[in-house]
Amino acid sequence: MPGSTFPKSPHLIRNYIRLMEKMGNNLLLSSIRRGFTLMIPVMLIGSFALLFYSFPIPQYQNLMETCLGPEWKSFFVYVHDGTISILSLNTAVCISYSLIVELTKGRNTGVSPIITACVALCSFVALLGTSKAEFKLADLGIMGIFAAMLTAVAASALFYRLSTIGRFRIKPFSDGDSVTFGNAVSAVIPAAITIAVFAAVNQILYVVFHFTDINAFLYHILSKLFSSMGNNFLSALTFTFLSHFFWFFGIHGGNVLEHIAQSIYVPALAVNQNLVHAGFAPTQIFTKTFFDTFVLMGGCGSSICLILAVFILKGNKNQRRIAKLSLVPLLFNINELVVFGFPIVLNPIYVIPFLLVPILLMITSFAAMGLGLVPFTCHTVEWTTPVFISGYYATGSLRGSLLQLFNLFLGIACYLPFVRLSQIVSFSRQKKNYYRLCQEFKNTEGRNLRPRLLERQDIIGSLSKALAEDLRDSLRDGYITLFYQPQVDYDGRVFCAEGLLRWKHAIYGYIYPPLAIALAEEYHIMDQLGFYVIEQACRAIANLNARGYRTIAISVNITATQLKNEAFCRELFRIVERHKVDPHFLKLEITEQVALEHDIKIKQTLSAIHDGGIRLEMDDFGMGHSSLLYLKEYHFHTIKLDGSLVREICSNASCREIIASIVYLSKSLNYNVLAEFVETEEQRRILHTLGCNQYQGQLFSKAISFEKLVDYIIGAEQGQKVGVSEQAGSTH
């Protein structure tokens, strides 16, 4: 488990992990991360379009031209135009939307996330100044990512602040108009001010400082820096570091430094080629092909090393999903999905390996060529050529491929501890989010509300969706079990056991059972889960019968969703028949909420269940004012007292009176009465004096595994007081 090593980590490592977790939970960084996550579909489509366009196999290119005509590439160009080429526009919208959702969470501000995102987009375009002669369409793509991030954050914060000032909000004079109209009208002045501010910033940069954009500013600084260096180890080290330093902040390092590469490293490759043609040995180690082939394997940061490290460590499911999606593009050095979708950009956990690995690979490649172990690069290689193939083409030797293999292992080794660190931080964050989810669910549960978890568009909604998918997978793979809480008579003999759902998640441990049920209901897998539980219960009955215990029943809970399924009865009796068990020893529990449905299908299904010999129980009897009405509607074998009555039986005379009345009525109607949540000997004694002689609760046993149940039954038969320590979650 990813988090299992956390407590054993050295003090310094633990502090570093806490720092990374704190930075990861930072509102600004988490909003940027979620914004990039929202762009994954666009980046994935654009990456594959680029791959299909530039797949570096001549036979493929010829085949596509033969089948689709000379203009076949145009289709993929158009797809790329609609995705990667406008990535900065998507960045402004998605990050702004993510940030404003966090800023307005739990607050009735009236600030619309959609309007805010539109204002951020307008502000970004105003900052670019698309009408300027110097404007380049590339600024709408990856080149403009950094400016888009800054604009999205600043514009959203400014618009939000202005929108909370009353005098800047126009109050629409409309009777009965929609909330959307009101929000739109009230946003006019804050939006106008925000967009005007960014237009003014553009004007100042252009008129006063003569910079068309941030890339032009960087170009100016870098030209001065590299002009005095030339082609040597220091300049190569600086080139590698700066390229990835810019990338980490979302600035396309390759494009920013392209003029450096064209002025220093492209000519160096030409020098090598001319020397080889003249019959001399090449002299230039640092060439454009050198960096593309041996330093930028899998794109910037040697991203393929990160992805392979993720596969090696397994761990975080979301990381593995992104790794699988990005692996094919990475093989051809297309890394946008990893850099922005993983993301690496502004991810404090990966800053060290992202900057360090390319530098190490540059040094090892320099050493290998300087020592004569690997030939110098003398051939131009298409940037999309896969690793190992590119190493051979660049050097004309298999030793180039072997160097890439060495670099690959070195890069993986460097990324492994940081992937592990990422998993630990993610594990800790996920646990905290799960506790938040449980707390919110219990709060709504206490108010008898049915939350719509999967519809939420926040971290709770995302976690709920992930849990629902995990529940489906666990159900399919048989990882869900039943624990059993014995039901005993006054003499301590076991006559039944309630089967309680237990789902042990790989990260969160035992999931709160009512939450699992709610997720199954909302995810529309309640029928499958219900039949799985009944299957387990019948298997337990058959197992008890095989061990000689033929009078002990198993009860399980069923929901209204199951009872409304027309195939429920047919499948129910098919399961009973398949396990060859007496239907009288399978009990199905329903709650008053189920009975309150007043659904004719439910009533017909319950009647069919009773007629088939399966016993019905009403759970939580007495919790509603109308519980008595259902005794005439359905044929119950047992009614289970509401736990609140039992818990207060010692201190509340009214509870004792209610229980006494229920016991008296049940005897006259020939129903059994069972008391749940019996936790003390005094409660059992009072219940006995009131005429209730069937009990369930922690006084006797917590929920236990089937084998522990058998041990308990044996001990009860021998008159022993069995103490059971095993427990999974709550008793229900």
Foldseek 3Di string as FASTA:
>chain_A
DLQPCQVVDDPVVNVVLVVLLVLCPPLLNVLLLQLLQVLLVLLLQLLVLVCLLCVPDVVSVVVQCVVPNPCSNVVSVVSNCVGQLQPLLSSLLSSLLSNVCVVCVPHPLLADSNVLSVLLSLLLCLLLVCVDPPRDSSCSGLQVNLVSSVSSVVLSVQLSVLSNDVVQFDQDPDDPDDSVVRSVRRSVRSSVVSSVVSNVVSVCCCVPVNASDVLSVLLVVVCVVCVPPAQDPVVVLVLLQQCLVCLLQSHRSCVSCVVVQVVGAQVLLVQQQVQVVVVHARDHQRHPLNCLAQQQQLHQLVCLLLLVLCVVVVFDPVSVVLSVSCNVSSQQSSCPCDCSNVHSHVSVLCPVSSNPLSSVRSVLSCVCCVVVVAGGFRDDDPSRHGQQVSLCRRRVDSSRSVSNVVSSVVSNVSNNVSVSSVSNSVLVVLLVLLVVLVVVVVVCVVVVHQDLLCPDPDPSNVSLVVVLVVLVVCLVVVQKAWFWFFKAFQLLAGQETETAIWHQDPRNGTHARVSNCSSCVNVVNNQSVVLSSLLNQLLLQLVCVVVPNQRYAYEYEDALVLLLDPCNLVSNVVSNVVSVHQLLRYEYEYEVVSVVVPDPSNLVSQVSSVVSNHAYEYEQQPPDPCSVVCVVSGPHQEYEHHQVLLVCVVPDVVSLVVLLVVLVVCVVVNHAYEYEADQDPVSQVSCVVSPHTMYTHPNQHAGHHSVVVVVSNVCSVVVHRDHDDDYGHHSD
